Amino acid sequence: HNTMHMSPVHYINLVRIESACRELMYSKNSIKNVAANAGFSTITSFNRTFKTMLGISPKEWRENRKDNNINELKRMVFNGWE
């Protein structure tokens, strides 16, 4: 926690959401499959975590992917490593 400036659970969720964002951007997999591939056991948990972290739903993020920036998300994930 002291090194990363966040809890381990928060870090894991950020990494999972980054993975999901890449899949949403570059595949046509269903959001349910994206959630499972990112390690979320339920679509509800995935949607809630995604919206909490990014402020929009996975569906909205996919629809606006040209405006989304994975590098910004990576800065959030790896902020504690700098």
N, C-alpha and C. Protein backbone atom coordinates (compact mmCIF):
# COMPACT_ATOMS: atom_id res chain seq x y z
N HIS A 1 0.82 -1.20 0.00
CA HIS A 1 0.00 0.00 0.00
C HIS A 1 0.86 1.26 0.00
N ASN A 2 1.90 1.27 0.82
CA ASN A 2 2.76 2.46 0.89
C ASN A 2 3.51 2.70 -0.41
N THR A 3 3.93 1.65 -1.07
CA THR A 3 4.69 1.78 -2.31
C THR A 3 3.81 2.23 -3.47
N MET A 4 2.63 1.65 -3.59
CA MET A 4 1.75 1.93 -4.73
C MET A 4 0.79 3.09 -4.48
N HIS A 5 0.69 3.52 -3.24
CA HIS A 5 -0.23 4.61 -2.88
C HIS A 5 -1.68 4.25 -3.16
N MET A 6 -1.97 2.96 -3.08
CA MET A 6 -3.34 2.46 -3.25
C MET A 6 -3.39 1.05 -2.68
N SER A 7 -4.58 0.59 -2.42
CA SER A 7 -4.72 -0.76 -1.89
C SER A 7 -4.45 -1.78 -2.99
N PRO A 8 -4.08 -2.99 -2.62
CA PRO A 8 -3.86 -4.04 -3.63
C PRO A 8 -5.11 -4.30 -4.47
N VAL A 9 -6.27 -4.26 -3.85
CA VAL A 9 -7.52 -4.50 -4.59
C VAL A 9 -7.73 -3.40 -5.63
N HIS A 10 -7.48 -2.16 -5.25
CA HIS A 10 -7.64 -1.05 -6.19
C HIS A 10 -6.68 -1.21 -7.37
N TYR A 11 -5.44 -1.58 -7.09
CA TYR A 11 -4.46 -1.79 -8.16
C TYR A 11 -4.91 -2.91 -9.10
N ILE A 12 -5.34 -4.02 -8.54
CA ILE A 12 -5.80 -5.15 -9.37
C ILE A 12 -6.97 -4.73 -10.24
N ASN A 13 -7.90 -3.98 -9.66
CA ASN A 13 -9.04 -3.52 -10.46
C ASN A 13 -8.62 -2.58 -11.57
N LEU A 14 -7.65 -1.71 -11.31
CA LEU A 14 -7.15 -0.83 -12.37
C LEU A 14 -6.53 -1.63 -13.51
N VAL A 15 -5.76 -2.64 -13.18
CA VAL A 15 -5.14 -3.48 -14.21
C VAL A 15 -6.22 -4.21 -15.00
N ARG A 16 -7.23 -4.72 -14.31
CA ARG A 16 -8.33 -5.42 -14.98
C ARG A 16 -9.10 -4.47 -15.90
N ILE A 17 -9.35 -3.26 -15.43
CA ILE A 17 -10.10 -2.30 -16.25
C ILE A 17 -9.26 -1.89 -17.46
N GLU A 18 -7.95 -1.74 -17.29
CA GLU A 18 -7.10 -1.44 -18.45
C GLU A 18 -7.20 -2.56 -19.48
N SER A 19 -7.15 -3.79 -19.04
CA SER A 19 -7.29 -4.94 -19.94
C SER A 19 -8.63 -4.90 -20.65
N ALA A 20 -9.67 -4.61 -19.91
CA ALA A 20 -11.02 -4.54 -20.49
C ALA A 20 -11.10 -3.42 -21.52
N CYS A 21 -10.49 -2.28 -21.23
CA CYS A 21 -10.52 -1.17 -22.18
C CYS A 21 -9.86 -1.55 -23.50
N ARG A 22 -8.74 -2.23 -23.41
CA ARG A 22 -8.08 -2.67 -24.65
C ARG A 22 -8.98 -3.61 -25.45
N GLU A 23 -9.61 -4.53 -24.74
CA GLU A 23 -10.48 -5.48 -25.44
C GLU A 23 -11.70 -4.77 -26.01
N LEU A 24 -12.26 -3.83 -25.28
CA LEU A 24 -13.41 -3.07 -25.79
C LEU A 24 -13.02 -2.27 -27.03
N MET A 25 -11.80 -1.78 -27.03
CA MET A 25 -11.34 -0.95 -28.14
C MET A 25 -11.03 -1.77 -29.39
N TYR A 26 -10.42 -2.93 -29.19
CA TYR A 26 -9.89 -3.67 -30.33
C TYR A 26 -10.63 -4.95 -30.70
N SER A 27 -11.71 -5.26 -29.99
CA SER A 27 -12.46 -6.47 -30.34
C SER A 27 -13.95 -6.15 -30.40
N LYS A 28 -14.67 -7.12 -30.90
CA LYS A 28 -16.13 -7.00 -30.93
C LYS A 28 -16.78 -7.96 -29.94
N ASN A 29 -15.98 -8.45 -29.00
CA ASN A 29 -16.52 -9.36 -27.98
C ASN A 29 -17.61 -8.66 -27.18
N SER A 30 -18.56 -9.44 -26.71
CA SER A 30 -19.62 -8.87 -25.88
C SER A 30 -19.02 -8.33 -24.59
N ILE A 31 -19.72 -7.39 -23.99
CA ILE A 31 -19.25 -6.81 -22.74
C ILE A 31 -19.19 -7.88 -21.66
N LYS A 32 -20.10 -8.83 -21.69
CA LYS A 32 -20.08 -9.93 -20.74
C LYS A 32 -18.78 -10.73 -20.88
N ASN A 33 -18.38 -11.03 -22.11
CA ASN A 33 -17.13 -11.76 -22.34
C ASN A 33 -15.91 -10.92 -21.97
N VAL A 34 -15.96 -9.64 -22.24
CA VAL A 34 -14.87 -8.74 -21.86
C VAL A 34 -14.69 -8.76 -20.35
N ALA A 35 -15.80 -8.68 -19.63
CA ALA A 35 -15.76 -8.71 -18.17
C ALA A 35 -15.11 -10.00 -17.67
N ALA A 36 -15.53 -11.13 -18.22
CA ALA A 36 -14.98 -12.42 -17.81
C ALA A 36 -13.50 -12.51 -18.15
N ASN A 37 -13.12 -12.05 -19.33
CA ASN A 37 -11.72 -12.09 -19.74
C ASN A 37 -10.83 -11.21 -18.86
N ALA A 38 -11.42 -10.15 -18.32
CA ALA A 38 -10.66 -9.24 -17.45
C ALA A 38 -10.60 -9.74 -16.00
N GLY A 39 -11.31 -10.83 -15.73
CA GLY A 39 -11.23 -11.42 -14.40
C GLY A 39 -12.36 -11.08 -13.46
N PHE A 40 -13.43 -10.50 -13.98
CA PHE A 40 -14.58 -10.18 -13.14
C PHE A 40 -15.55 -11.36 -13.16
N SER A 41 -16.02 -11.74 -11.98
CA SER A 41 -16.89 -12.91 -11.89
C SER A 41 -18.34 -12.61 -12.28
N THR A 42 -18.74 -11.34 -12.18
CA THR A 42 -20.10 -10.98 -12.58
C THR A 42 -20.07 -9.71 -13.43
N ILE A 43 -21.02 -9.60 -14.31
CA ILE A 43 -21.13 -8.41 -15.15
C ILE A 43 -21.48 -7.19 -14.30
N THR A 44 -22.24 -7.41 -13.24
CA THR A 44 -22.62 -6.32 -12.35
C THR A 44 -21.39 -5.71 -11.68
N SER A 45 -20.52 -6.57 -11.19
CA SER A 45 -19.28 -6.09 -10.55
C SER A 45 -18.42 -5.34 -11.56
N PHE A 46 -18.32 -5.88 -12.76
CA PHE A 46 -17.53 -5.23 -13.81
C PHE A 46 -18.10 -3.85 -14.13
N ASN A 47 -19.40 -3.78 -14.38
CA ASN A 47 -20.02 -2.49 -14.72
C ASN A 47 -19.84 -1.46 -13.62
N ARG A 48 -20.03 -1.88 -12.37
CA ARG A 48 -19.91 -0.97 -11.24
C ARG A 48 -18.47 -0.46 -11.11
N THR A 49 -17.50 -1.38 -11.20
CA THR A 49 -16.09 -1.00 -11.07
C THR A 49 -15.66 -0.10 -12.22
N PHE A 50 -16.08 -0.45 -13.43
CA PHE A 50 -15.73 0.33 -14.62
C PHE A 50 -16.26 1.75 -14.49
N LYS A 51 -17.53 1.88 -14.13
CA LYS A 51 -18.14 3.21 -14.03
C LYS A 51 -17.53 4.02 -12.89
N THR A 52 -17.21 3.36 -11.79
CA THR A 52 -16.58 4.05 -10.67
C THR A 52 -15.22 4.62 -11.08
N MET A 53 -14.46 3.85 -11.83
CA MET A 53 -13.11 4.27 -12.20
C MET A 53 -13.06 5.24 -13.37
N LEU A 54 -13.95 5.07 -14.33
CA LEU A 54 -13.87 5.88 -15.54
C LEU A 54 -15.00 6.89 -15.71
N GLY A 55 -16.04 6.75 -14.89
CA GLY A 55 -17.13 7.71 -14.94
C GLY A 55 -18.18 7.44 -16.00
N ILE A 56 -17.97 6.41 -16.81
CA ILE A 56 -18.95 6.02 -17.82
C ILE A 56 -19.03 4.50 -17.86
N SER A 57 -20.08 4.00 -18.48
CA SER A 57 -20.26 2.55 -18.58
C SER A 57 -19.34 1.97 -19.65
N PRO A 58 -19.09 0.66 -19.61
CA PRO A 58 -18.29 0.03 -20.66
C PRO A 58 -18.89 0.25 -22.05
N LYS A 59 -20.21 0.20 -22.14
CA LYS A 59 -20.87 0.40 -23.44
C LYS A 59 -20.60 1.82 -23.95
N GLU A 60 -20.73 2.82 -23.08
CA GLU A 60 -20.46 4.20 -23.49
C GLU A 60 -18.99 4.36 -23.88
N TRP A 61 -18.10 3.72 -23.13
CA TRP A 61 -16.67 3.82 -23.42
C TRP A 61 -16.38 3.25 -24.81
N ARG A 62 -16.97 2.09 -25.10
CA ARG A 62 -16.75 1.47 -26.42
C ARG A 62 -17.30 2.35 -27.53
N GLU A 63 -18.46 2.92 -27.33
CA GLU A 63 -19.08 3.76 -28.36
C GLU A 63 -18.26 5.02 -28.63
N ASN A 64 -17.53 5.49 -27.64
CA ASN A 64 -16.73 6.71 -27.77
C ASN A 64 -15.25 6.41 -27.81
N ARG A 65 -14.87 5.24 -28.25
CA ARG A 65 -13.47 4.81 -28.14
C ARG A 65 -12.49 5.71 -28.85
N LYS A 66 -12.91 6.41 -29.87
CA LYS A 66 -11.97 7.30 -30.54
C LYS A 66 -11.52 8.45 -29.63
N ASP A 67 -12.34 8.75 -28.61
CA ASP A 67 -12.01 9.81 -27.67
C ASP A 67 -11.32 9.29 -26.41
N ASN A 68 -11.21 7.97 -26.29
CA ASN A 68 -10.66 7.39 -25.07
C ASN A 68 -9.15 7.24 -25.18
N ASN A 69 -8.50 7.34 -24.05
CA ASN A 69 -7.05 7.31 -24.04
C ASN A 69 -6.58 6.27 -23.03
N ILE A 70 -6.12 5.14 -23.53
CA ILE A 70 -5.62 4.08 -22.65
C ILE A 70 -4.37 4.56 -21.92
N ASN A 71 -3.58 5.42 -22.53
CA ASN A 71 -2.39 5.91 -21.85
C ASN A 71 -2.73 6.68 -20.59
N GLU A 72 -3.84 7.40 -20.59
CA GLU A 72 -4.28 8.09 -19.38
C GLU A 72 -4.64 7.09 -18.30
N LEU A 73 -5.30 6.03 -18.69
CA LEU A 73 -5.63 4.98 -17.73
C LEU A 73 -4.35 4.32 -17.21
N LYS A 74 -3.38 4.10 -18.07
CA LYS A 74 -2.11 3.52 -17.63
C LYS A 74 -1.41 4.42 -16.63
N ARG A 75 -1.49 5.74 -16.83
CA ARG A 75 -0.89 6.65 -15.86
C ARG A 75 -1.56 6.50 -14.51
N MET A 76 -2.87 6.28 -14.50
CA MET A 76 -3.58 6.05 -13.25
C MET A 76 -3.09 4.77 -12.60
N VAL A 77 -2.95 3.72 -13.40
CA VAL A 77 -2.56 2.41 -12.87
C VAL A 77 -1.15 2.47 -12.29
N PHE A 78 -0.23 3.06 -13.02
CA PHE A 78 1.17 2.98 -12.64
C PHE A 78 1.68 4.23 -11.94
N ASN A 79 0.79 5.11 -11.53
CA ASN A 79 1.18 6.33 -10.84
C ASN A 79 2.07 6.04 -9.63
N GLY A 80 1.75 5.00 -8.89
CA GLY A 80 2.51 4.67 -7.69
C GLY A 80 3.91 4.18 -7.97
N TRP A 81 4.20 3.78 -9.21
CA TRP A 81 5.52 3.24 -9.53
C TRP A 81 6.53 4.33 -9.85
N GLU A 82 6.04 5.52 -10.09
CA GLU A 82 6.94 6.61 -10.51
C GLU A 82 7.64 7.25 -9.33
